Amino acid sequence: VWVGVSAGSMVMTPRVGAAFVEWESAPDDRTLGVVDFSIFPHLD
């Protein structure tokens, strides 16, 4: 069982969107793509 919090969940998606990339060395916003949807966390 994989339990993710925020980025720990988003890493399983195909992309996180540029707004969620804080690491300066990131080549782009792509992640693992284990699932076929993206996640916008911390709504409100």
PDB file of all heavy atoms in Angstrom:
ATOM      1  N   VAL A   1       0.856  -1.185   0.000  1.00  0.00           N
ATOM      2  CA  VAL A   1       0.000   0.000   0.000  1.00  0.00           C
ATOM      3  C   VAL A   1       0.892   1.235   0.000  1.00  0.00           C
ATOM      4  O   VAL A   1       1.842   1.324   0.784  1.00  0.00           O
ATOM      5  CB  VAL A   1      -0.938   0.025   1.221  1.00  0.00           C
ATOM      6  CG1 VAL A   1      -1.778   1.301   1.227  1.00  0.00           C
ATOM      7  CG2 VAL A   1      -1.833  -1.205   1.228  1.00  0.00           C
ATOM      8  N   TRP A   2       0.603   2.150  -0.894  1.00  0.00           N
ATOM      9  CA  TRP A   2       1.318   3.427  -0.986  1.00  0.00           C
ATOM     10  C   TRP A   2       0.397   4.513  -0.450  1.00  0.00           C
ATOM     11  O   TRP A   2      -0.700   4.709  -0.976  1.00  0.00           O
ATOM     12  CB  TRP A   2       1.677   3.706  -2.440  1.00  0.00           C
ATOM     13  CG  TRP A   2       2.337   5.025  -2.728  1.00  0.00           C
ATOM     14  CD1 TRP A   2       1.750   6.253  -2.773  1.00  0.00           C
ATOM     15  CD2 TRP A   2       3.724   5.237  -3.033  1.00  0.00           C
ATOM     16  NE1 TRP A   2       2.667   7.230  -3.085  1.00  0.00           N
ATOM     17  CE2 TRP A   2       3.897   6.631  -3.248  1.00  0.00           C
ATOM     18  CE3 TRP A   2       4.832   4.390  -3.147  1.00  0.00           C
ATOM     19  CZ2 TRP A   2       5.131   7.179  -3.577  1.00  0.00           C
ATOM     20  CZ3 TRP A   2       6.051   4.939  -3.479  1.00  0.00           C
ATOM     21  CH2 TRP A   2       6.198   6.320  -3.688  1.00  0.00           C
ATOM     22  N   VAL A   3       0.810   5.198   0.596  1.00  0.00           N
ATOM     23  CA  VAL A   3       0.040   6.309   1.150  1.00  0.00           C
ATOM     24  C   VAL A   3       0.814   7.588   0.896  1.00  0.00           C
ATOM     25  O   VAL A   3       1.906   7.781   1.448  1.00  0.00           O
ATOM     26  CB  VAL A   3      -0.225   6.137   2.654  1.00  0.00           C
ATOM     27  CG1 VAL A   3      -1.079   7.298   3.170  1.00  0.00           C
ATOM     28  CG2 VAL A   3      -0.926   4.809   2.934  1.00  0.00           C
ATOM     29  N   GLY A   4       0.281   8.452   0.054  1.00  0.00           N
ATOM     30  CA  GLY A   4       0.953   9.695  -0.269  1.00  0.00           C
ATOM     31  C   GLY A   4       0.289  10.889   0.376  1.00  0.00           C
ATOM     32  O   GLY A   4      -0.933  10.916   0.568  1.00  0.00           O
ATOM     33  N   VAL A   5       1.104  11.862   0.733  1.00  0.00           N
ATOM     34  CA  VAL A   5       0.635  13.161   1.202  1.00  0.00           C
ATOM     35  C   VAL A   5       1.097  14.211   0.189  1.00  0.00           C
ATOM     36  O   VAL A   5       2.300  14.316  -0.072  1.00  0.00           O
ATOM     37  CB  VAL A   5       1.187  13.500   2.596  1.00  0.00           C
ATOM     38  CG1 VAL A   5       0.774  14.916   3.001  1.00  0.00           C
ATOM     39  CG2 VAL A   5       0.707  12.502   3.623  1.00  0.00           C
ATOM     40  N   SER A   6       0.179  14.934  -0.408  1.00  0.00           N
ATOM     41  CA  SER A   6       0.514  16.029  -1.322  1.00  0.00           C
ATOM     42  C   SER A   6       1.454  15.533  -2.422  1.00  0.00           C
ATOM     43  O   SER A   6       1.065  14.732  -3.252  1.00  0.00           O
ATOM     44  CB  SER A   6       1.098  17.199  -0.528  1.00  0.00           C
ATOM     45  OG  SER A   6       1.217  18.355  -1.319  1.00  0.00           O
ATOM     46  N   ALA A   7       2.714  15.985  -2.432  1.00  0.00           N
ATOM     47  CA  ALA A   7       3.652  15.545  -3.466  1.00  0.00           C
ATOM     48  C   ALA A   7       3.849  14.040  -3.463  1.00  0.00           C
ATOM     49  O   ALA A   7       4.127  13.446  -4.507  1.00  0.00           O
ATOM     50  CB  ALA A   7       4.996  16.241  -3.289  1.00  0.00           C
ATOM     51  N   GLY A   8       3.707  13.404  -2.312  1.00  0.00           N
ATOM     52  CA  GLY A   8       3.789  11.952  -2.238  1.00  0.00           C
ATOM     53  C   GLY A   8       2.660  11.265  -2.974  1.00  0.00           C
ATOM     54  O   GLY A   8       2.766  10.093  -3.341  1.00  0.00           O
ATOM     55  N   SER A   9       1.560  11.981  -3.193  1.00  0.00           N
ATOM     56  CA  SER A   9       0.476  11.498  -4.042  1.00  0.00           C
ATOM     57  C   SER A   9       0.684  11.935  -5.483  1.00  0.00           C
ATOM     58  O   SER A   9       0.497  11.150  -6.424  1.00  0.00           O
ATOM     59  CB  SER A   9      -0.862  12.058  -3.548  1.00  0.00           C
ATOM     60  OG  SER A   9      -1.151  11.637  -2.237  1.00  0.00           O
ATOM     61  N   MET A  10       1.074  13.186  -5.673  1.00  0.00           N
ATOM     62  CA  MET A  10       1.222  13.749  -7.017  1.00  0.00           C
ATOM     63  C   MET A  10       2.283  13.041  -7.840  1.00  0.00           C
ATOM     64  O   MET A  10       2.202  13.010  -9.070  1.00  0.00           O
ATOM     65  CB  MET A  10       1.555  15.240  -6.905  1.00  0.00           C
ATOM     66  CG  MET A  10       0.457  16.051  -6.207  1.00  0.00           C
ATOM     67  SD  MET A  10       1.011  17.703  -5.750  1.00  0.00           S
ATOM     68  CE  MET A  10       0.982  18.518  -7.343  1.00  0.00           C
ATOM     69  N   VAL A  11       3.288  12.467  -7.189  1.00  0.00           N
ATOM     70  CA  VAL A  11       4.353  11.785  -7.922  1.00  0.00           C
ATOM     71  C   VAL A  11       3.824  10.601  -8.716  1.00  0.00           C
ATOM     72  O   VAL A  11       4.426  10.195  -9.714  1.00  0.00           O
ATOM     73  CB  VAL A  11       5.467  11.334  -6.952  1.00  0.00           C
ATOM     74  CG1 VAL A  11       5.022  10.127  -6.112  1.00  0.00           C
ATOM     75  CG2 VAL A  11       6.753  11.012  -7.688  1.00  0.00           C
ATOM     76  N   MET A  12       2.683  10.059  -8.342  1.00  0.00           N
ATOM     77  CA  MET A  12       2.106   8.926  -9.054  1.00  0.00           C
ATOM     78  C   MET A  12       1.355   9.351 -10.320  1.00  0.00           C
ATOM     79  O   MET A  12       0.932   8.503 -11.105  1.00  0.00           O
ATOM     80  CB  MET A  12       1.153   8.161  -8.134  1.00  0.00           C
ATOM     81  CG  MET A  12       1.860   7.415  -7.030  1.00  0.00           C
ATOM     82  SD  MET A  12       2.974   6.165  -7.714  1.00  0.00           S
ATOM     83  CE  MET A  12       3.416   5.253  -6.263  1.00  0.00           C
ATOM     84  N   THR A  13       1.181  10.642 -10.538  1.00  0.00           N
ATOM     85  CA  THR A  13       0.415  11.149 -11.674  1.00  0.00           C
ATOM     86  C   THR A  13       1.326  11.412 -12.878  1.00  0.00           C
ATOM     87  O   THR A  13       2.548  11.417 -12.747  1.00  0.00           O
ATOM     88  CB  THR A  13      -0.317  12.440 -11.282  1.00  0.00           C
ATOM     89  OG1 THR A  13       0.633  13.506 -11.123  1.00  0.00           O
ATOM     90  CG2 THR A  13      -1.092  12.258  -9.979  1.00  0.00           C
ATOM     91  N   PRO A  14       0.759  11.662 -14.053  1.00  0.00           N
ATOM     92  CA  PRO A  14       1.605  11.939 -15.225  1.00  0.00           C
ATOM     93  C   PRO A  14       2.290  13.298 -15.169  1.00  0.00           C
ATOM     94  O   PRO A  14       3.443  13.440 -15.595  1.00  0.00           O
ATOM     95  CB  PRO A  14       0.624  11.881 -16.398  1.00  0.00           C
ATOM     96  CG  PRO A  14      -0.590  11.208 -15.871  1.00  0.00           C
ATOM     97  CD  PRO A  14      -0.662  11.539 -14.420  1.00  0.00           C
ATOM     98  N   ARG A  15       1.564  14.329 -14.661  1.00  0.00           N
ATOM     99  CA  ARG A  15       2.107  15.688 -14.589  1.00  0.00           C
ATOM    100  C   ARG A  15       1.536  16.372 -13.359  1.00  0.00           C
ATOM    101  O   ARG A  15       0.433  16.070 -12.914  1.00  0.00           O
ATOM    102  CB  ARG A  15       1.714  16.498 -15.827  1.00  0.00           C
ATOM    103  CG  ARG A  15       2.326  16.031 -17.130  1.00  0.00           C
ATOM    104  CD  ARG A  15       1.791  16.866 -18.285  1.00  0.00           C
ATOM    105  NE  ARG A  15       2.061  18.291 -18.109  1.00  0.00           N
ATOM    106  CZ  ARG A  15       1.428  19.256 -18.767  1.00  0.00           C
ATOM    107  NH1 ARG A  15       0.476  18.964 -19.631  1.00  0.00           N
ATOM    108  NH2 ARG A  15       1.727  20.512 -18.546  1.00  0.00           N
ATOM    109  N   VAL A  16       2.301  17.341 -12.833  1.00  0.00           N
ATOM    110  CA  VAL A  16       1.824  18.084 -11.662  1.00  0.00           C
ATOM    111  C   VAL A  16       1.448  19.515 -12.004  1.00  0.00           C
ATOM    112  O   VAL A  16       0.823  20.201 -11.193  1.00  0.00           O
ATOM    113  CB  VAL A  16       2.872  18.074 -10.532  1.00  0.00           C
ATOM    114  CG1 VAL A  16       3.140  16.659 -10.082  1.00  0.00           C
ATOM    115  CG2 VAL A  16       4.176  18.767 -10.947  1.00  0.00           C
ATOM    116  N   GLY A  17       1.832  19.989 -13.194  1.00  0.00           N
ATOM    117  CA  GLY A  17       1.586  21.382 -13.560  1.00  0.00           C
ATOM    118  C   GLY A  17       2.720  22.268 -13.087  1.00  0.00           C
ATOM    119  O   GLY A  17       3.286  22.072 -12.008  1.00  0.00           O
ATOM    120  N   ALA A  18       3.047  23.263 -13.877  1.00  0.00           N
ATOM    121  CA  ALA A  18       4.198  24.132 -13.580  1.00  0.00           C
ATOM    122  C   ALA A  18       4.071  24.834 -12.236  1.00  0.00           C
ATOM    123  O   ALA A  18       5.068  25.101 -11.568  1.00  0.00           O
ATOM    124  CB  ALA A  18       4.358  25.159 -14.705  1.00  0.00           C
ATOM    125  N   ALA A  19       2.856  25.128 -11.810  1.00  0.00           N
ATOM    126  CA  ALA A  19       2.658  25.851 -10.549  1.00  0.00           C
ATOM    127  C   ALA A  19       3.136  25.071  -9.341  1.00  0.00           C
ATOM    128  O   ALA A  19       3.409  25.660  -8.290  1.00  0.00           O
ATOM    129  CB  ALA A  19       1.177  26.195 -10.382  1.00  0.00           C
ATOM    130  N   PHE A  20       3.268  23.743  -9.471  1.00  0.00           N
ATOM    131  CA  PHE A  20       3.664  22.908  -8.341  1.00  0.00           C
ATOM    132  C   PHE A  20       5.116  22.449  -8.422  1.00  0.00           C
ATOM    133  O   PHE A  20       5.531  21.583  -7.655  1.00  0.00           O
ATOM    134  CB  PHE A  20       2.737  21.698  -8.225  1.00  0.00           C
ATOM    135  CG  PHE A  20       1.363  22.060  -7.734  1.00  0.00           C
ATOM    136  CD1 PHE A  20       0.281  22.050  -8.604  1.00  0.00           C
ATOM    137  CD2 PHE A  20       1.150  22.405  -6.416  1.00  0.00           C
ATOM    138  CE1 PHE A  20      -0.987  22.372  -8.161  1.00  0.00           C
ATOM    139  CE2 PHE A  20      -0.116  22.736  -5.959  1.00  0.00           C
ATOM    140  CZ  PHE A  20      -1.187  22.718  -6.822  1.00  0.00           C
ATOM    141  N   VAL A  21       5.889  23.012  -9.337  1.00  0.00           N
ATOM    142  CA  VAL A  21       7.304  22.663  -9.452  1.00  0.00           C
ATOM    143  C   VAL A  21       8.131  23.706  -8.715  1.00  0.00           C
ATOM    144  O   VAL A  21       8.199  24.868  -9.136  1.00  0.00           O
ATOM    145  CB  VAL A  21       7.748  22.563 -10.923  1.00  0.00           C
ATOM    146  CG1 VAL A  21       9.237  22.252 -11.004  1.00  0.00           C
ATOM    147  CG2 VAL A  21       6.936  21.501 -11.653  1.00  0.00           C
ATOM    148  N   GLU A  22       8.757  23.307  -7.617  1.00  0.00           N
ATOM    149  CA  GLU A  22       9.609  24.202  -6.826  1.00  0.00           C
ATOM    150  C   GLU A  22      11.084  23.841  -6.921  1.00  0.00           C
ATOM    151  O   GLU A  22      11.944  24.646  -6.587  1.00  0.00           O
ATOM    152  CB  GLU A  22       9.176  24.166  -5.350  1.00  0.00           C
ATOM    153  CG  GLU A  22       7.763  24.668  -5.089  1.00  0.00           C
ATOM    154  CD  GLU A  22       7.672  26.186  -5.167  1.00  0.00           C
ATOM    155  OE1 GLU A  22       8.716  26.848  -5.291  1.00  0.00           O
ATOM    156  OE2 GLU A  22       6.537  26.708  -5.111  1.00  0.00           O
ATOM    157  N   TRP A  23      11.393  22.637  -7.359  1.00  0.00           N
ATOM    158  CA  TRP A  23      12.781  22.190  -7.474  1.00  0.00           C
ATOM    159  C   TRP A  23      13.405  22.814  -8.709  1.00  0.00           C
ATOM    160  O   TRP A  23      12.949  22.601  -9.830  1.00  0.00           O
ATOM    161  CB  TRP A  23      12.826  20.667  -7.562  1.00  0.00           C
ATOM    162  CG  TRP A  23      14.199  20.080  -7.639  1.00  0.00           C
ATOM    163  CD1 TRP A  23      15.304  20.503  -6.973  1.00  0.00           C
ATOM    164  CD2 TRP A  23      14.604  18.971  -8.440  1.00  0.00           C
ATOM    165  NE1 TRP A  23      16.379  19.708  -7.301  1.00  0.00           N
ATOM    166  CE2 TRP A  23      15.983  18.771  -8.196  1.00  0.00           C
ATOM    167  CE3 TRP A  23      13.931  18.112  -9.319  1.00  0.00           C
ATOM    168  CZ2 TRP A  23      16.701  17.743  -8.818  1.00  0.00           C
ATOM    169  CZ3 TRP A  23      14.645  17.091  -9.938  1.00  0.00           C
ATOM    170  CH2 TRP A  23      16.018  16.915  -9.686  1.00  0.00           C
ATOM    171  N   GLU A  24      14.454  23.604  -8.505  1.00  0.00           N
ATOM    172  CA  GLU A  24      15.044  24.377  -9.604  1.00  0.00           C
ATOM    173  C   GLU A  24      15.644  23.503 -10.699  1.00  0.00           C
ATOM    174  O   GLU A  24      15.749  23.938 -11.848  1.00  0.00           O
ATOM    175  CB  GLU A  24      16.102  25.331  -9.051  1.00  0.00           C
ATOM    176  CG  GLU A  24      15.524  26.433  -8.167  1.00  0.00           C
ATOM    177  CD  GLU A  24      16.590  27.397  -7.685  1.00  0.00           C
ATOM    178  OE1 GLU A  24      17.786  27.154  -7.958  1.00  0.00           O
ATOM    179  OE2 GLU A  24      16.227  28.388  -7.035  1.00  0.00           O
ATOM    180  N   SER A  25      16.040  22.278 -10.368  1.00  0.00           N
ATOM    181  CA  SER A  25      16.671  21.408 -11.360  1.00  0.00           C
ATOM    182  C   SER A  25      15.678  20.519 -12.095  1.00  0.00           C
ATOM    183  O   SER A  25      16.089  19.697 -12.910  1.00  0.00           O
ATOM    184  CB  SER A  25      17.726  20.531 -10.682  1.00  0.00           C
ATOM    185  OG  SER A  25      18.772  21.329 -10.134  1.00  0.00           O
ATOM    186  N   ALA A  26      14.405  20.688 -11.830  1.00  0.00           N
ATOM    187  CA  ALA A  26      13.406  19.863 -12.510  1.00  0.00           C
ATOM    188  C   ALA A  26      13.403  20.167 -14.004  1.00  0.00           C
ATOM    189  O   ALA A  26      13.309  21.338 -14.395  1.00  0.00           O
ATOM    190  CB  ALA A  26      12.025  20.117 -11.920  1.00  0.00           C
ATOM    191  N   PRO A  27      13.482  19.161 -14.862  1.00  0.00           N
ATOM    192  CA  PRO A  27      13.473  19.419 -16.307  1.00  0.00           C
ATOM    193  C   PRO A  27      12.109  19.863 -16.815  1.00  0.00           C
ATOM    194  O   PRO A  27      12.018  20.597 -17.801  1.00  0.00           O
ATOM    195  CB  PRO A  27      13.883  18.070 -16.909  1.00  0.00           C
ATOM    196  CG  PRO A  27      13.495  17.061 -15.874  1.00  0.00           C
ATOM    197  CD  PRO A  27      13.677  17.737 -14.552  1.00  0.00           C
ATOM    198  N   ASP A  28      11.044  19.409 -16.149  1.00  0.00           N
ATOM    199  CA  ASP A  28       9.677  19.773 -16.521  1.00  0.00           C
ATOM    200  C   ASP A  28       8.761  19.342 -15.383  1.00  0.00           C
ATOM    201  O   ASP A  28       9.231  19.075 -14.279  1.00  0.00           O
ATOM    202  CB  ASP A  28       9.264  19.114 -17.854  1.00  0.00           C
ATOM    203  CG  ASP A  28       9.566  17.622 -17.875  1.00  0.00           C
ATOM    204  OD1 ASP A  28       9.259  16.933 -16.878  1.00  0.00           O
ATOM    205  OD2 ASP A  28      10.101  17.139 -18.892  1.00  0.00           O
ATOM    206  N   ASP A  29       7.466  19.253 -15.629  1.00  0.00           N
ATOM    207  CA  ASP A  29       6.527  18.921 -14.552  1.00  0.00           C
ATOM    208  C   ASP A  29       6.060  17.468 -14.611  1.00  0.00           C
ATOM    209  O   ASP A  29       5.114  17.085 -13.932  1.00  0.00           O
ATOM    210  CB  ASP A  29       5.312  19.856 -14.606  1.00  0.00           C
ATOM    211  CG  ASP A  29       4.395  19.566 -15.788  1.00  0.00           C
ATOM    212  OD1 ASP A  29       4.897  19.108 -16.843  1.00  0.00           O
ATOM    213  OD2 ASP A  29       3.178  19.787 -15.653  1.00  0.00           O
ATOM    214  N   ARG A  30       6.739  16.637 -15.402  1.00  0.00           N
ATOM    215  CA  ARG A  30       6.316  15.250 -15.543  1.00  0.00           C
ATOM    216  C   ARG A  30       6.749  14.415 -14.342  1.00  0.00           C
ATOM    217  O   ARG A  30       7.829  14.612 -13.780  1.00  0.00           O
ATOM    218  CB  ARG A  30       6.869  14.643 -16.827  1.00  0.00           C
ATOM    219  CG  ARG A  30       6.214  15.185 -18.094  1.00  0.00           C
ATOM    220  CD  ARG A  30       6.841  14.601 -19.329  1.00  0.00           C
ATOM    221  NE  ARG A  30       8.225  15.044 -19.502  1.00  0.00           N
ATOM    222  CZ  ARG A  30       9.026  14.651 -20.497  1.00  0.00           C
ATOM    223  NH1 ARG A  30       8.576  13.806 -21.404  1.00  0.00           N
ATOM    224  NH2 ARG A  30      10.261  15.110 -20.584  1.00  0.00           N
ATOM    225  N   THR A  31       5.883  13.459 -13.987  1.00  0.00           N
ATOM    226  CA  THR A  31       6.181  12.547 -12.885  1.00  0.00           C
ATOM    227  C   THR A  31       5.954  11.105 -13.361  1.00  0.00           C
ATOM    228  O   THR A  31       6.054  10.847 -14.553  1.00  0.00           O
ATOM    229  CB  THR A  31       5.351  12.919 -11.641  1.00  0.00           C
ATOM    230  OG1 THR A  31       4.039  13.355 -12.042  1.00  0.00           O
ATOM    231  CG2 THR A  31       6.007  14.085 -10.896  1.00  0.00           C
ATOM    232  N   LEU A  32       5.679  10.164 -12.476  1.00  0.00           N
ATOM    233  CA  LEU A  32       5.773   8.749 -12.821  1.00  0.00           C
ATOM    234  C   LEU A  32       4.676   8.245 -13.746  1.00  0.00           C
ATOM    235  O   LEU A  32       4.893   7.290 -14.497  1.00  0.00           O
ATOM    236  CB  LEU A  32       5.780   7.906 -11.546  1.00  0.00           C
ATOM    237  CG  LEU A  32       6.996   8.090 -10.629  1.00  0.00           C
ATOM    238  CD1 LEU A  32       6.821   7.254  -9.367  1.00  0.00           C
ATOM    239  CD2 LEU A  32       8.292   7.703 -11.344  1.00  0.00           C
ATOM    240  N   GLY A  33       3.484   8.797 -13.674  1.00  0.00           N
ATOM    241  CA  GLY A  33       2.408   8.346 -14.533  1.00  0.00           C
ATOM    242  C   GLY A  33       1.871   6.962 -14.194  1.00  0.00           C
ATOM    243  O   GLY A  33       1.408   6.241 -15.077  1.00  0.00           O
ATOM    244  N   VAL A  34       1.922   6.595 -12.919  1.00  0.00           N
ATOM    245  CA  VAL A  34       1.347   5.322 -12.494  1.00  0.00           C
ATOM    246  C   VAL A  34      -0.170   5.345 -12.652  1.00  0.00           C
ATOM    247  O   VAL A  34      -0.783   4.345 -13.014  1.00  0.00           O
ATOM    248  CB  VAL A  34       1.741   5.013 -11.026  1.00  0.00           C
ATOM    249  CG1 VAL A  34       1.022   3.774 -10.508  1.00  0.00           C
ATOM    250  CG2 VAL A  34       3.255   4.837 -10.922  1.00  0.00           C
ATOM    251  N   VAL A  35      -0.779   6.495 -12.382  1.00  0.00           N
ATOM    252  CA  VAL A  35      -2.208   6.687 -12.630  1.00  0.00           C
ATOM    253  C   VAL A  35      -2.363   7.629 -13.828  1.00  0.00           C
ATOM    254  O   VAL A  35      -1.397   8.261 -14.254  1.00  0.00           O
ATOM    255  CB  VAL A  35      -2.920   7.261 -11.386  1.00  0.00           C
ATOM    256  CG1 VAL A  35      -2.804   6.281 -10.218  1.00  0.00           C
ATOM    257  CG2 VAL A  35      -2.361   8.626 -11.004  1.00  0.00           C
ATOM    258  N   ASP A  36      -3.583   7.736 -14.353  1.00  0.00           N
ATOM    259  CA  ASP A  36      -3.785   8.520 -15.580  1.00  0.00           C
ATOM    260  C   ASP A  36      -4.457   9.859 -15.325  1.00  0.00           C
ATOM    261  O   ASP A  36      -5.015  10.459 -16.241  1.00  0.00           O
ATOM    262  CB  ASP A  36      -4.586   7.712 -16.603  1.00  0.00           C
ATOM    263  CG  ASP A  36      -5.977   7.340 -16.111  1.00  0.00           C
ATOM    264  OD1 ASP A  36      -6.329   7.703 -14.971  1.00  0.00           O
ATOM    265  OD2 ASP A  36      -6.710   6.675 -16.863  1.00  0.00           O
ATOM    266  N   PHE A  37      -4.409  10.335 -14.087  1.00  0.00           N
ATOM    267  CA  PHE A  37      -4.987  11.632 -13.755  1.00  0.00           C
ATOM    268  C   PHE A  37      -4.001  12.418 -12.898  1.00  0.00           C
ATOM    269  O   PHE A  37      -3.079  11.846 -12.307  1.00  0.00           O
ATOM    270  CB  PHE A  37      -6.308  11.452 -12.989  1.00  0.00           C
ATOM    271  CG  PHE A  37      -6.176  10.618 -11.738  1.00  0.00           C
ATOM    272  CD1 PHE A  37      -5.770  11.181 -10.537  1.00  0.00           C
ATOM    273  CD2 PHE A  37      -6.449   9.264 -11.761  1.00  0.00           C
ATOM    274  CE1 PHE A  37      -5.635  10.421  -9.379  1.00  0.00           C
ATOM    275  CE2 PHE A  37      -6.321   8.487 -10.614  1.00  0.00           C
ATOM    276  CZ  PHE A  37      -5.911   9.071  -9.424  1.00  0.00           C
ATOM    277  N   SER A  38      -4.200  13.731 -12.852  1.00  0.00           N
ATOM    278  CA  SER A  38      -3.369  14.597 -12.018  1.00  0.00           C
ATOM    279  C   SER A  38      -4.136  15.020 -10.772  1.00  0.00           C
ATOM    280  O   SER A  38      -5.351  14.849 -10.684  1.00  0.00           O
ATOM    281  CB  SER A  38      -2.912  15.819 -12.824  1.00  0.00           C
ATOM    282  OG  SER A  38      -2.046  15.433 -13.875  1.00  0.00           O
ATOM    283  N   ILE A  39      -3.387  15.579  -9.794  1.00  0.00           N
ATOM    284  CA  ILE A  39      -3.981  15.951  -8.509  1.00  0.00           C
ATOM    285  C   ILE A  39      -3.582  17.377  -8.147  1.00  0.00           C
ATOM    286  O   ILE A  39      -2.391  17.720  -8.152  1.00  0.00           O
ATOM    287  CB  ILE A  39      -3.531  15.000  -7.389  1.00  0.00           C
ATOM    288  CG1 ILE A  39      -4.042  13.574  -7.650  1.00  0.00           C
ATOM    289  CG2 ILE A  39      -4.019  15.490  -6.022  1.00  0.00           C
ATOM    290  CD1 ILE A  39      -3.510  12.549  -6.665  1.00  0.00           C
ATOM    291  N   PHE A  40      -4.583  18.182  -7.827  1.00  0.00           N
ATOM    292  CA  PHE A  40      -4.394  19.523  -7.280  1.00  0.00           C
ATOM    293  C   PHE A  40      -4.685  19.398  -5.778  1.00  0.00           C
ATOM    294  O   PHE A  40      -5.851  19.258  -5.386  1.00  0.00           O
ATOM    295  CB  PHE A  40      -5.366  20.500  -7.939  1.00  0.00           C
ATOM    296  CG  PHE A  40      -5.228  21.940  -7.512  1.00  0.00           C
ATOM    297  CD1 PHE A  40      -4.536  22.854  -8.290  1.00  0.00           C
ATOM    298  CD2 PHE A  40      -5.805  22.388  -6.324  1.00  0.00           C
ATOM    299  CE1 PHE A  40      -4.424  24.182  -7.911  1.00  0.00           C
ATOM    300  CE2 PHE A  40      -5.701  23.712  -5.930  1.00  0.00           C
ATOM    301  CZ  PHE A  40      -5.007  24.616  -6.726  1.00  0.00           C
ATOM    302  N   PRO A  41      -3.662  19.456  -4.923  1.00  0.00           N
ATOM    303  CA  PRO A  41      -3.892  19.236  -3.494  1.00  0.00           C
ATOM    304  C   PRO A  41      -4.198  20.533  -2.744  1.00  0.00           C
ATOM    305  O   PRO A  41      -4.109  21.625  -3.305  1.00  0.00           O
ATOM    306  CB  PRO A  41      -2.553  18.664  -3.031  1.00  0.00           C
ATOM    307  CG  PRO A  41      -1.558  19.404  -3.889  1.00  0.00           C
ATOM    308  CD  PRO A  41      -2.242  19.591  -5.234  1.00  0.00           C
ATOM    309  N   HIS A  42      -4.545  20.381  -1.489  1.00  0.00           N
ATOM    310  CA  HIS A  42      -4.725  21.514  -0.559  1.00  0.00           C
ATOM    311  C   HIS A  42      -5.770  22.518  -1.041  1.00  0.00           C
ATOM    312  O   HIS A  42      -5.610  23.730  -0.889  1.00  0.00           O
ATOM    313  CB  HIS A  42      -3.393  22.231  -0.315  1.00  0.00           C
ATOM    314  CG  HIS A  42      -2.255  21.312  -0.001  1.00  0.00           C
ATOM    315  ND1 HIS A  42      -2.298  20.438   1.061  1.00  0.00           N
ATOM    316  CD2 HIS A  42      -1.050  21.141  -0.607  1.00  0.00           C
ATOM    317  CE1 HIS A  42      -1.147  19.753   1.086  1.00  0.00           C
ATOM    318  NE2 HIS A  42      -0.387  20.157   0.082  1.00  0.00           N
ATOM    319  N   LEU A  43      -6.836  22.003  -1.647  1.00  0.00           N
ATOM    320  CA  LEU A  43      -7.914  22.878  -2.106  1.00  0.00           C
ATOM    321  C   LEU A  43      -8.443  23.710  -0.938  1.00  0.00           C
ATOM    322  O   LEU A  43      -8.799  23.167   0.111  1.00  0.00           O
ATOM    323  CB  LEU A  43      -9.037  22.038  -2.713  1.00  0.00           C
ATOM    324  CG  LEU A  43     -10.247  22.787  -3.257  1.00  0.00           C
ATOM    325  CD1 LEU A  43      -9.849  23.675  -4.426  1.00  0.00           C
ATOM    326  CD2 LEU A  43     -11.338  21.794  -3.676  1.00  0.00           C
ATOM    327  N   ASP A  44      -8.456  25.019  -1.120  1.00  0.00           N
ATOM    328  CA  ASP A  44      -8.950  26.001  -0.134  1.00  0.00           C
ATOM    329  C   ASP A  44      -8.054  26.145   1.099  1.00  0.00           C
ATOM    330  O   ASP A  44      -8.385  26.908   2.009  1.00  0.00           O
ATOM    331  CB  ASP A  44     -10.373  25.655   0.341  1.00  0.00           C
ATOM    332  CG  ASP A  44     -11.383  25.703  -0.794  1.00  0.00           C
ATOM    333  OD1 ASP A  44     -11.199  26.533  -1.706  1.00  0.00           O
ATOM    334  OD2 ASP A  44     -12.350  24.928  -0.766  1.00  0.00           O
TER     335      ASP A  44
END
